[in-house]
Amino acid sequence: MAGFKGGFGGGNINQLMQQAQKMQQQLKKAQDELKESEVSGSSGGDMVTVTLTGDKRFVSINIKPEAVDPDDIEMLEDLIAAAFNEAMSAAEELSEELMGPLSGGLGGLM
């Protein structure tokens, strides 16, 4: 095998390694940004608000007093679920916005 140069086109392996390292840095930056970002979801005309981080960790819940009816706990539970689901959707949208361009370049590795 005279003239064999690694089978990867010689200098192209270095370029691939640099691109992979750059993508890894961009991915880390996007992950950090998700951890630091907060999104909210609300229901019942803002009677219940749930806040999550961009990486889908629970931060807080705010329940206005008028949302609390001791005779209708089920309504409050529904409001909490709806607000949480809205916050999750917002977190997923943010994640797609920040991570989408990066995951598309990994050829399905993510």
C-alpha atoms as a PDB file:
ATOM      1  CA  MET A   1       0.000   0.000   0.000  1.00  0.00           C
ATOM      2  CA  ALA A   2       2.470   2.555  -1.144  1.00  0.00           C
ATOM      3  CA  GLY A   3       1.321   6.124  -0.657  1.00  0.00           C
ATOM      4  CA  PHE A   4      -1.382   5.311   1.939  1.00  0.00           C
ATOM      5  CA  LYS A   5      -2.217   8.473   3.896  1.00  0.00           C
ATOM      6  CA  GLY A   6      -4.670   7.288   6.482  1.00  0.00           C
ATOM      7  CA  GLY A   7      -7.598   6.649   4.163  1.00  0.00           C
ATOM      8  CA  PHE A   8      -9.416   9.877   5.076  1.00  0.00           C
ATOM      9  CA  GLY A   9      -8.144  12.134   2.338  1.00  0.00           C
ATOM     10  CA  GLY A  10      -5.059  13.376   4.154  1.00  0.00           C
ATOM     11  CA  GLY A  11      -5.715  16.844   5.618  1.00  0.00           C
ATOM     12  CA  ASN A  12      -9.493  16.443   5.635  1.00  0.00           C
ATOM     13  CA  ILE A  13      -9.370  14.566   8.947  1.00  0.00           C
ATOM     14  CA  ASN A  14      -7.946  17.645  10.633  1.00  0.00           C
ATOM     15  CA  GLN A  15     -10.717  19.773   9.163  1.00  0.00           C
ATOM     16  CA  LEU A  16     -13.331  17.258  10.352  1.00  0.00           C
ATOM     17  CA  MET A  17     -11.838  17.251  13.843  1.00  0.00           C
ATOM     18  CA  GLN A  18     -11.896  21.053  13.968  1.00  0.00           C
ATOM     19  CA  GLN A  19     -15.530  21.108  12.817  1.00  0.00           C
ATOM     20  CA  ALA A  20     -16.470  18.498  15.418  1.00  0.00           C
ATOM     21  CA  GLN A  21     -14.720  20.478  18.149  1.00  0.00           C
ATOM     22  CA  LYS A  22     -16.488  23.667  17.052  1.00  0.00           C
ATOM     23  CA  MET A  23     -19.876  21.895  17.082  1.00  0.00           C
ATOM     24  CA  GLN A  24     -19.134  20.517  20.541  1.00  0.00           C
ATOM     25  CA  GLN A  25     -18.414  24.034  21.817  1.00  0.00           C
ATOM     26  CA  GLN A  26     -21.614  25.368  20.221  1.00  0.00           C
ATOM     27  CA  LEU A  27     -23.601  22.505  21.733  1.00  0.00           C
ATOM     28  CA  LYS A  28     -22.192  23.213  25.206  1.00  0.00           C
ATOM     29  CA  LYS A  29     -23.037  26.909  24.822  1.00  0.00           C
ATOM     30  CA  ALA A  30     -26.619  26.088  23.779  1.00  0.00           C
ATOM     31  CA  GLN A  31     -27.011  23.662  26.696  1.00  0.00           C
ATOM     32  CA  ASP A  32     -25.755  26.292  29.135  1.00  0.00           C
ATOM     33  CA  GLU A  33     -28.138  28.848  27.671  1.00  0.00           C
ATOM     34  CA  LEU A  34     -31.045  26.429  28.125  1.00  0.00           C
ATOM     35  CA  LYS A  35     -30.130  25.890  31.781  1.00  0.00           C
ATOM     36  CA  GLU A  36     -30.022  29.647  32.395  1.00  0.00           C
ATOM     37  CA  SER A  37     -33.212  30.504  30.471  1.00  0.00           C
ATOM     38  CA  GLU A  38     -36.681  30.452  31.978  1.00  0.00           C
ATOM     39  CA  VAL A  39     -40.036  29.956  30.270  1.00  0.00           C
ATOM     40  CA  SER A  40     -43.550  30.196  31.677  1.00  0.00           C
ATOM     41  CA  GLY A  41     -46.967  28.830  30.960  1.00  0.00           C
ATOM     42  CA  SER A  42     -50.226  30.073  32.389  1.00  0.00           C
ATOM     43  CA  SER A  43     -53.882  29.122  32.494  1.00  0.00           C
ATOM     44  CA  GLY A  44     -57.181  30.481  33.695  1.00  0.00           C
ATOM     45  CA  GLY A  45     -56.390  34.026  32.617  1.00  0.00           C
ATOM     46  CA  ASP A  46     -53.023  33.927  34.436  1.00  0.00           C
ATOM     47  CA  MET A  47     -54.587  32.561  37.638  1.00  0.00           C
ATOM     48  CA  VAL A  48     -51.929  29.820  37.573  1.00  0.00           C
ATOM     49  CA  THR A  49     -48.414  30.322  36.194  1.00  0.00           C
ATOM     50  CA  VAL A  50     -45.718  27.651  36.026  1.00  0.00           C
ATOM     51  CA  THR A  51     -42.085  28.551  35.353  1.00  0.00           C
ATOM     52  CA  LEU A  52     -39.480  26.072  34.066  1.00  0.00           C
ATOM     53  CA  THR A  53     -35.896  26.373  32.918  1.00  0.00           C
ATOM     54  CA  GLY A  54     -35.176  25.903  29.237  1.00  0.00           C
ATOM     55  CA  ASP A  55     -33.910  22.408  30.038  1.00  0.00           C
ATOM     56  CA  LYS A  56     -37.324  21.575  31.545  1.00  0.00           C
ATOM     57  CA  ARG A  57     -36.583  21.831  35.252  1.00  0.00           C
ATOM     58  CA  PHE A  58     -39.303  23.162  37.531  1.00  0.00           C
ATOM     59  CA  VAL A  59     -38.598  26.629  38.956  1.00  0.00           C
ATOM     60  CA  SER A  60     -41.859  27.861  40.478  1.00  0.00           C
ATOM     61  CA  ILE A  61     -45.622  27.955  40.473  1.00  0.00           C
ATOM     62  CA  ASN A  62     -47.742  31.010  41.181  1.00  0.00           C
ATOM     63  CA  ILE A  63     -51.403  30.511  42.117  1.00  0.00           C
ATOM     64  CA  LYS A  64     -53.635  33.533  42.592  1.00  0.00           C
ATOM     65  CA  PRO A  65     -55.967  33.274  45.603  1.00  0.00           C
ATOM     66  CA  GLU A  66     -59.082  33.464  43.432  1.00  0.00           C
ATOM     67  CA  ALA A  67     -58.020  30.208  41.753  1.00  0.00           C
ATOM     68  CA  VAL A  68     -58.385  28.354  45.050  1.00  0.00           C
ATOM     69  CA  ASP A  69     -61.881  27.064  45.680  1.00  0.00           C
ATOM     70  CA  PRO A  70     -61.921  24.408  48.450  1.00  0.00           C
ATOM     71  CA  ASP A  71     -65.110  23.015  46.926  1.00  0.00           C
ATOM     72  CA  ASP A  72     -63.535  22.604  43.469  1.00  0.00           C
ATOM     73  CA  ILE A  73     -59.996  21.258  43.861  1.00  0.00           C
ATOM     74  CA  GLU A  74     -60.314  19.508  40.502  1.00  0.00           C
ATOM     75  CA  MET A  75     -60.491  22.868  38.696  1.00  0.00           C
ATOM     76  CA  LEU A  76     -57.242  23.986  40.367  1.00  0.00           C
ATOM     77  CA  GLU A  77     -55.582  20.707  39.415  1.00  0.00           C
ATOM     78  CA  ASP A  78     -56.681  21.225  35.797  1.00  0.00           C
ATOM     79  CA  LEU A  79     -55.341  24.795  35.812  1.00  0.00           C
ATOM     80  CA  ILE A  80     -51.978  23.589  37.139  1.00  0.00           C
ATOM     81  CA  ALA A  81     -51.762  20.829  34.524  1.00  0.00           C
ATOM     82  CA  ALA A  82     -52.652  23.236  31.712  1.00  0.00           C
ATOM     83  CA  ALA A  83     -50.089  25.821  32.857  1.00  0.00           C
ATOM     84  CA  PHE A  84     -47.403  23.142  33.218  1.00  0.00           C
ATOM     85  CA  ASN A  85     -48.118  21.760  29.739  1.00  0.00           C
ATOM     86  CA  GLU A  86     -47.916  25.258  28.253  1.00  0.00           C
ATOM     87  CA  ALA A  87     -44.572  25.836  29.992  1.00  0.00           C
ATOM     88  CA  MET A  88     -43.276  22.472  28.696  1.00  0.00           C
ATOM     89  CA  SER A  89     -44.260  23.435  25.150  1.00  0.00           C
ATOM     90  CA  ALA A  90     -42.418  26.734  25.538  1.00  0.00           C
ATOM     91  CA  ALA A  91     -39.332  24.901  26.846  1.00  0.00           C
ATOM     92  CA  GLU A  92     -39.441  22.479  23.914  1.00  0.00           C
ATOM     93  CA  GLU A  93     -39.714  25.359  21.446  1.00  0.00           C
ATOM     94  CA  LEU A  94     -36.747  27.105  23.049  1.00  0.00           C
ATOM     95  CA  SER A  95     -34.743  23.878  22.989  1.00  0.00           C
ATOM     96  CA  GLU A  96     -35.524  23.347  19.313  1.00  0.00           C
ATOM     97  CA  GLU A  97     -34.584  26.951  18.568  1.00  0.00           C
ATOM     98  CA  LEU A  98     -31.224  26.633  20.326  1.00  0.00           C
ATOM     99  CA  MET A  99     -30.363  23.000  19.665  1.00  0.00           C
ATOM    100  CA  GLY A 100     -32.118  22.333  16.345  1.00  0.00           C
ATOM    101  CA  PRO A 101     -29.449  23.773  14.080  1.00  0.00           C
ATOM    102  CA  LEU A 102     -26.774  21.841  15.959  1.00  0.00           C
ATOM    103  CA  SER A 103     -28.509  18.476  16.038  1.00  0.00           C
ATOM    104  CA  GLY A 104     -29.221  18.670  12.303  1.00  0.00           C
ATOM    105  CA  GLY A 105     -25.498  18.730  11.575  1.00  0.00           C
ATOM    106  CA  LEU A 106     -24.694  15.577  13.514  1.00  0.00           C
ATOM    107  CA  GLY A 107     -26.214  13.169  11.028  1.00  0.00           C
ATOM    108  CA  GLY A 108     -28.715  11.726  13.501  1.00  0.00           C
ATOM    109  CA  LEU A 109     -26.247  11.241  16.344  1.00  0.00           C
ATOM    110  CA  MET A 110     -28.407  13.257  18.747  1.00  0.00           C
END
